[in-house]
Amino acid sequence: MRVFFYGLFMDESLLSTKGIRPVDVRSGFIDGYRLCIGERATLVPCRGGRAYGTIMDIAADEVTNLYAVESVADYLPEPVTVGLADGTRVDATCYILPADEVAGVNPGYAAQLLDLAIHLGFPDSYLDEIRSTRGGT
């Protein structure tokens, strides 16, 4: 199953601690969304927005198990089209928390996400967006 991750699940080492071994991992973006960080991160529709993340292939049962955990069980699968650096576009599934479930702030999460986004080489404009989100550093 091809999945687009925009939060800490972009980190392959984090996934490996959960027994998940993704393949064909690439950076990409989806248009029409922006990142929103509260206690948890999600994407919200946004005209002209662009959210960055990683796309990877993961076994369907591993994805099911990953999103069965209570802390992320509210995330719902949405079909998305991911733009890649070479200009191609590929279809994937992205798990998004409904906007009415976003609450609070989590500066620690935002800081970890910022570090990961820097490591992945996302554009400065996106790094600034992470810094400016609720709970950002």
Protein backbone atom coordinates (compact mmCIF):
# COMPACT_ATOMS: atom_id res chain seq x y z
CA MET A 1 0.00 0.00 0.00
CA ARG A 2 1.39 3.41 -0.95
CA VAL A 3 1.07 5.88 1.95
CA PHE A 4 1.90 9.58 2.24
CA PHE A 5 3.10 10.59 5.73
CA TYR A 6 3.43 14.24 6.85
CA GLY A 7 4.08 13.81 10.58
CA LEU A 8 6.63 11.89 12.61
CA PHE A 9 5.73 8.68 10.77
CA MET A 10 7.89 10.13 7.95
CA ASP A 11 10.82 8.87 10.05
CA GLU A 12 11.78 5.40 8.81
CA SER A 13 13.62 4.67 12.06
CA LEU A 14 10.43 5.37 14.04
CA LEU A 15 8.51 2.99 11.81
CA SER A 16 11.17 0.32 12.22
CA THR A 17 10.66 0.43 16.02
CA LYS A 18 7.09 -0.62 15.25
CA GLY A 19 8.27 -3.52 13.06
CA ILE A 20 7.47 -1.74 9.80
CA ARG A 21 9.94 -1.91 6.93
CA PRO A 22 8.83 0.57 4.25
CA VAL A 23 10.17 0.36 0.72
CA ASP A 24 10.53 2.88 -2.09
CA VAL A 25 10.65 5.85 0.32
CA ARG A 26 10.66 9.25 -1.40
CA SER A 27 9.96 12.83 -0.45
CA GLY A 28 7.01 14.55 -2.03
CA PHE A 29 4.17 17.00 -1.55
CA ILE A 30 0.44 17.27 -1.88
CA ASP A 31 -1.27 20.43 -3.01
CA GLY A 32 -4.45 21.85 -1.56
CA TYR A 33 -3.55 21.16 2.08
CA ARG A 34 -1.65 22.83 4.91
CA LEU A 35 -0.14 21.37 8.04
CA CYS A 36 -1.95 21.98 11.33
CA ILE A 37 -0.33 21.07 14.65
CA GLY A 38 -2.31 20.85 17.86
CA GLU A 39 -1.81 17.99 20.30
CA ARG A 40 -1.45 15.97 17.10
CA ALA A 41 -0.63 16.92 13.53
CA THR A 42 -3.03 16.78 10.64
CA LEU A 43 -3.57 18.26 7.22
CA VAL A 44 -6.44 20.61 6.52
CA PRO A 45 -7.73 21.64 3.12
CA CYS A 46 -6.26 24.95 2.06
CA ARG A 47 -6.60 26.60 -1.32
CA GLY A 48 -3.07 27.20 -2.59
CA GLY A 49 -1.54 25.19 0.25
CA ARG A 50 1.22 22.62 -0.09
CA ALA A 51 2.17 20.02 2.50
CA TYR A 52 5.43 18.07 2.35
CA GLY A 53 6.10 14.55 3.50
CA THR A 54 7.29 11.15 2.45
CA ILE A 55 5.62 8.55 0.32
CA MET A 56 6.42 4.89 0.91
CA ASP A 57 5.10 1.43 0.26
CA ILE A 58 4.02 -0.47 3.37
CA ALA A 59 2.12 -3.73 3.69
CA ALA A 60 -1.61 -3.07 4.11
CA ASP A 61 -1.78 -5.05 7.37
CA GLU A 62 1.10 -2.98 8.78
CA VAL A 63 -0.77 0.24 7.97
CA THR A 64 -3.91 -1.17 9.61
CA ASN A 65 -1.93 -2.08 12.73
CA LEU A 66 -0.17 1.31 12.78
CA TYR A 67 -3.47 3.23 12.77
CA ALA A 68 -5.14 0.88 15.24
CA VAL A 69 -3.13 2.43 18.08
CA GLU A 70 -5.37 4.63 20.25
CA SER A 71 -3.32 7.82 19.74
CA VAL A 72 -3.87 7.74 15.95
CA ALA A 73 -7.05 5.65 15.62
CA ASP A 74 -9.12 8.77 14.77
CA TYR A 75 -7.15 9.41 11.57
CA LEU A 76 -9.10 8.58 8.42
CA PRO A 77 -7.70 7.41 5.06
CA GLU A 78 -7.99 9.90 2.20
CA PRO A 79 -6.84 9.40 -1.39
CA VAL A 80 -4.22 11.96 -2.44
CA THR A 81 -1.98 12.65 -5.41
CA VAL A 82 1.65 13.15 -4.45
CA GLY A 83 4.06 15.27 -6.50
CA LEU A 84 7.63 13.98 -6.66
CA ALA A 85 10.90 15.80 -7.33
CA ASP A 86 11.14 14.39 -10.87
CA GLY A 87 7.78 15.94 -11.76
CA THR A 88 5.77 12.72 -11.70
CA ARG A 89 2.60 12.36 -9.69
CA VAL A 90 1.52 9.19 -7.93
CA ASP A 91 -1.61 8.18 -6.08
CA ALA A 92 -1.38 7.33 -2.39
CA THR A 93 -3.39 7.15 0.80
CA CYS A 94 -2.93 9.78 3.49
CA TYR A 95 -4.34 9.47 7.00
CA ILE A 96 -5.89 12.74 8.15
CA LEU A 97 -7.33 13.69 11.50
CA PRO A 98 -10.72 15.39 11.10
CA ALA A 99 -10.31 19.14 11.69
CA ASP A 100 -12.78 19.12 14.58
CA GLU A 101 -10.46 16.71 16.42
CA VAL A 102 -7.53 19.18 16.41
CA ALA A 103 -7.08 20.85 19.78
CA GLY A 104 -4.42 22.04 22.16
CA VAL A 105 -0.74 22.54 21.50
CA ASN A 106 2.25 20.24 21.54
CA PRO A 107 5.53 22.18 21.28
CA GLY A 108 7.59 19.00 21.70
CA TYR A 109 5.91 17.36 18.72
CA ALA A 110 6.33 20.51 16.63
CA ALA A 111 10.05 20.67 17.52
CA GLN A 112 10.57 17.00 16.60
CA LEU A 113 8.71 17.49 13.34
CA LEU A 114 10.78 20.56 12.52
CA ASP A 115 14.01 18.62 13.11
CA LEU A 116 12.79 15.80 10.87
CA ALA A 117 11.67 18.21 8.13
CA ILE A 118 15.11 19.88 8.20
CA HIS A 119 16.77 16.45 7.98
CA LEU A 120 14.57 15.54 4.99
CA GLY A 121 15.53 18.76 3.22
CA PHE A 122 12.09 20.32 2.90
CA PRO A 123 11.98 23.91 1.60
CA ASP A 124 12.66 26.79 3.98
CA SER A 125 9.15 28.13 3.40
CA TYR A 126 7.70 24.88 4.73
CA LEU A 127 10.07 24.87 7.69
CA ASP A 128 8.86 28.39 8.50
CA GLU A 129 5.28 27.13 8.29
CA ILE A 130 6.06 24.43 10.87
CA ARG A 131 7.69 27.03 13.10
CA SER A 132 4.63 29.27 12.92
CA THR A 133 1.98 26.61 13.58
CA ARG A 134 0.23 26.40 16.91
CA GLY A 135 2.73 24.85 19.24
CA GLY A 136 5.59 25.57 16.83
CA THR A 137 9.02 26.64 17.97
